[in-house]
Amino acid sequence: MCQRLAKGVLPANTQIQKDALLAMSKSATVFINYIGMHAQDAAQAADKSTIRPKDVLEAIKELEFEDFIPRLEIELEKYNTEQCNKRNTYRRQKREEKAAADVKAATQAAMTASDAARASDTATPAAANGLDSSVLSHTLDPSGYDLEGAGDRSLATDVDMDLGGDGRGEGEGRPPSKKVRMS
């Protein structure tokens, strides 16, 4: 990072030796530690545990580096503006995403409601009256008995019925009685 900063202020053809870059890096570290220590003292004097930009500027003034203060204030203002724009952009994106999601959810709800209305228009009259369509789908023989079963219901009972017609039950030459599910 020091190399990039140094090359940014030097003419284009200037070369920097590795030892010079190392010296700049170490100098920057010492300077930052020194400013940080004095900024911490300024924060503690104000009964604060957090170092604020105001404390750093006060430390720079105390250490007699007042010449840096106007440039630092400009850079600090630029940084704060950039961060504010980033936050506002992020918040705006989140609001737009939420609005788009809300519109999508409302559209889906409307489509579901219209599908339900369309389905109720084509429903059987028994289903419209609240009857279970699974009960209506079973085939009844001519005598009115349900020959296919009505599903697993606790009130239904299995009954052996003689459908032969003579009332004597099963016998020789007759087919076995059919099991009919009654409900």
Protein backbone atom coordinates (compact mmCIF):
# COMPACT_ATOMS: atom_id res chain seq x y z
CA MET A 1 0.00 0.00 0.00
CA CYS A 2 2.85 2.37 0.77
CA GLN A 3 4.29 1.75 -2.72
CA ARG A 4 1.00 2.66 -4.36
CA LEU A 5 0.67 5.82 -2.27
CA ALA A 6 4.27 6.84 -2.92
CA LYS A 7 4.02 6.26 -6.68
CA GLY A 8 0.81 8.33 -6.72
CA VAL A 9 2.62 11.51 -5.64
CA LEU A 10 5.94 10.98 -7.46
CA PRO A 11 6.67 11.68 -11.13
CA ALA A 12 6.02 8.79 -13.54
CA ASN A 13 9.69 7.89 -14.20
CA THR A 14 10.71 7.71 -10.52
CA GLN A 15 11.84 4.34 -9.18
CA ILE A 16 11.69 3.41 -5.47
CA GLN A 17 14.15 0.95 -3.96
CA LYS A 18 12.82 -1.86 -1.79
CA ASP A 19 14.69 -0.53 1.26
CA ALA A 20 13.08 2.89 0.75
CA LEU A 21 9.63 1.27 0.60
CA LEU A 22 10.40 -0.64 3.78
CA ALA A 23 11.53 2.58 5.50
CA MET A 24 8.32 4.35 4.41
CA SER A 25 6.19 1.47 5.64
CA LYS A 26 7.89 1.39 9.05
CA SER A 27 7.72 5.18 9.32
CA ALA A 28 3.99 5.13 8.54
CA THR A 29 3.44 2.47 11.22
CA VAL A 30 5.33 4.49 13.85
CA PHE A 31 3.49 7.69 12.87
CA ILE A 32 0.07 5.99 13.07
CA ASN A 33 0.89 4.48 16.47
CA TYR A 34 2.08 7.88 17.74
CA ILE A 35 -1.05 9.69 16.49
CA GLY A 36 -3.24 6.87 17.83
CA MET A 37 -1.71 7.09 21.29
CA HIS A 38 -2.33 10.86 21.47
CA ALA A 39 -5.85 10.45 20.03
CA GLN A 40 -6.59 7.90 22.76
CA ASP A 41 -5.40 10.40 25.36
CA ALA A 42 -7.76 13.03 23.86
CA ALA A 43 -10.67 10.55 23.95
CA GLN A 44 -9.98 9.65 27.58
CA ALA A 45 -9.82 13.34 28.48
CA ALA A 46 -13.37 13.63 27.10
CA ASP A 47 -14.43 10.51 29.12
CA LYS A 48 -14.86 8.47 25.93
CA SER A 49 -13.54 4.99 25.24
CA THR A 50 -13.82 5.27 21.45
CA ILE A 51 -11.42 7.32 19.37
CA ARG A 52 -13.38 9.60 17.06
CA PRO A 53 -12.13 11.59 14.05
CA LYS A 54 -12.35 14.70 16.21
CA ASP A 55 -9.86 13.12 18.66
CA VAL A 56 -7.41 12.30 15.84
CA LEU A 57 -7.57 15.88 14.51
CA GLU A 58 -7.01 17.19 18.05
CA ALA A 59 -3.99 14.90 18.47
CA ILE A 60 -2.52 16.13 15.16
CA LYS A 61 -2.97 19.71 16.30
CA GLU A 62 -1.40 18.92 19.69
CA LEU A 63 1.61 17.31 17.95
CA GLU A 64 2.04 20.48 15.85
CA PHE A 65 1.09 18.95 12.49
CA GLU A 66 -1.55 21.64 11.85
CA ASP A 67 -0.53 21.83 8.19
CA PHE A 68 -2.16 18.41 7.63
CA ILE A 69 -5.52 19.32 9.17
CA PRO A 70 -7.18 21.05 6.15
CA ARG A 71 -6.27 18.15 3.84
CA LEU A 72 -7.38 15.57 6.43
CA GLU A 73 -10.72 17.33 6.90
CA ILE A 74 -11.31 17.32 3.12
CA GLU A 75 -10.44 13.61 2.88
CA LEU A 76 -12.61 12.80 5.90
CA GLU A 77 -15.58 14.65 4.36
CA LYS A 78 -15.03 12.83 1.07
CA TYR A 79 -14.90 9.47 2.87
CA ASN A 80 -18.06 10.18 4.90
CA THR A 81 -19.94 11.25 1.75
CA GLU A 82 -18.85 8.09 -0.07
CA GLN A 83 -19.91 5.87 2.83
CA CYS A 84 -23.25 7.66 3.10
CA ASN A 85 -23.87 7.14 -0.63
CA LYS A 86 -23.01 3.44 -0.30
CA ARG A 87 -25.44 3.05 2.61
CA ASN A 88 -28.18 4.92 0.79
CA THR A 89 -27.65 2.89 -2.38
CA TYR A 90 -27.77 -0.35 -0.40
CA ARG A 91 -30.93 0.72 1.43
CA ARG A 92 -32.56 1.81 -1.83
CA GLN A 93 -31.73 -1.57 -3.42
CA LYS A 94 -33.20 -3.41 -0.44
CA ARG A 95 -36.38 -1.29 -0.59
CA GLU A 96 -36.72 -1.96 -4.32
CA GLU A 97 -36.13 -5.71 -3.82
CA LYS A 98 -38.72 -5.78 -1.05
CA ALA A 99 -41.20 -3.85 -3.19
CA ALA A 100 -40.61 -6.24 -6.09
CA ALA A 101 -41.08 -9.23 -3.78
CA ASP A 102 -44.30 -7.71 -2.42
CA VAL A 103 -45.61 -7.15 -5.95
CA LYS A 104 -44.68 -10.71 -6.90
CA ALA A 105 -46.41 -12.10 -3.79
CA ALA A 106 -49.52 -10.02 -4.48
CA THR A 107 -49.55 -11.18 -8.10
CA GLN A 108 -49.22 -14.81 -7.05
CA ALA A 109 -52.00 -14.38 -4.48
CA ALA A 110 -54.24 -12.84 -7.12
CA MET A 111 -53.46 -15.65 -9.55
CA THR A 112 -54.16 -18.26 -6.87
CA ALA A 113 -57.46 -16.58 -6.04
CA SER A 114 -58.46 -16.47 -9.71
CA ASP A 115 -57.43 -20.13 -10.15
CA ALA A 116 -59.55 -21.05 -7.13
CA ALA A 117 -62.50 -19.10 -8.50
CA ARG A 118 -62.08 -20.76 -11.88
CA ALA A 119 -61.89 -24.18 -10.20
CA SER A 120 -65.05 -23.53 -8.19
CA ASP A 121 -66.86 -22.59 -11.41
CA THR A 122 -66.03 -26.01 -12.90
CA ALA A 123 -66.56 -28.01 -9.69
CA THR A 124 -69.30 -30.61 -9.38
CA PRO A 125 -72.47 -29.49 -7.64
CA ALA A 126 -71.80 -31.93 -4.80
CA ALA A 127 -68.33 -30.48 -4.26
CA ALA A 128 -69.79 -26.99 -4.23
CA ASN A 129 -72.15 -28.16 -1.47
CA GLY A 130 -69.22 -29.34 0.62
CA LEU A 131 -69.48 -33.10 -0.09
CA ASP A 132 -66.35 -35.17 -0.35
CA SER A 133 -65.68 -35.88 -4.02
CA SER A 134 -63.98 -39.19 -3.14
CA VAL A 135 -67.34 -40.50 -1.90
CA LEU A 136 -69.05 -39.44 -5.12
CA SER A 137 -66.53 -41.18 -7.35
CA HIS A 138 -67.49 -44.70 -6.26
CA THR A 139 -69.63 -46.84 -8.51
CA LEU A 140 -72.96 -47.96 -7.18
CA ASP A 141 -74.58 -51.16 -8.37
CA PRO A 142 -78.26 -51.00 -9.44
CA SER A 143 -79.41 -51.88 -5.92
CA GLY A 144 -77.60 -48.80 -4.54
CA TYR A 145 -74.68 -50.56 -2.82
CA ASP A 146 -71.20 -49.14 -3.07
CA LEU A 147 -69.13 -51.89 -4.72
CA GLU A 148 -65.74 -50.15 -4.77
CA GLY A 149 -65.39 -48.99 -1.15
CA ALA A 150 -65.43 -45.53 0.30
CA GLY A 151 -61.92 -45.31 1.60
CA ASP A 152 -60.73 -45.84 5.15
CA ARG A 153 -63.47 -44.43 7.38
CA SER A 154 -64.04 -45.57 10.92
CA LEU A 155 -67.84 -45.49 10.60
CA ALA A 156 -67.93 -47.80 7.59
CA THR A 157 -68.51 -51.52 8.15
CA ASP A 158 -67.92 -54.50 5.96
CA VAL A 159 -71.05 -56.59 5.38
CA ASP A 160 -71.40 -59.90 3.57
CA MET A 161 -74.51 -59.79 1.47
CA ASP A 162 -76.07 -62.49 -0.61
CA LEU A 163 -76.72 -60.87 -3.94
CA GLY A 164 -78.13 -64.11 -5.35
CA GLY A 165 -81.68 -63.04 -4.62
CA ASP A 166 -83.11 -66.15 -2.89
CA GLY A 167 -82.03 -65.26 0.65
CA ARG A 168 -80.43 -68.66 1.38
CA GLY A 169 -76.79 -67.53 1.24
CA GLU A 170 -74.02 -69.27 -0.61
CA GLY A 171 -74.65 -72.66 -1.97
CA GLU A 172 -73.83 -75.10 -4.62
CA GLY A 173 -73.71 -73.59 -8.08
CA ARG A 174 -73.95 -70.03 -6.82
CA PRO A 175 -71.14 -67.53 -6.96
CA PRO A 176 -69.73 -66.46 -3.58
CA SER A 177 -71.38 -63.46 -2.02
CA LYS A 178 -69.78 -60.10 -2.71
CA LYS A 179 -68.31 -58.05 0.06
CA VAL A 180 -69.92 -54.64 0.05
CA ARG A 181 -68.63 -51.65 1.99
CA MET A 182 -71.46 -49.71 3.58
CA SER A 183 -71.16 -46.32 5.13
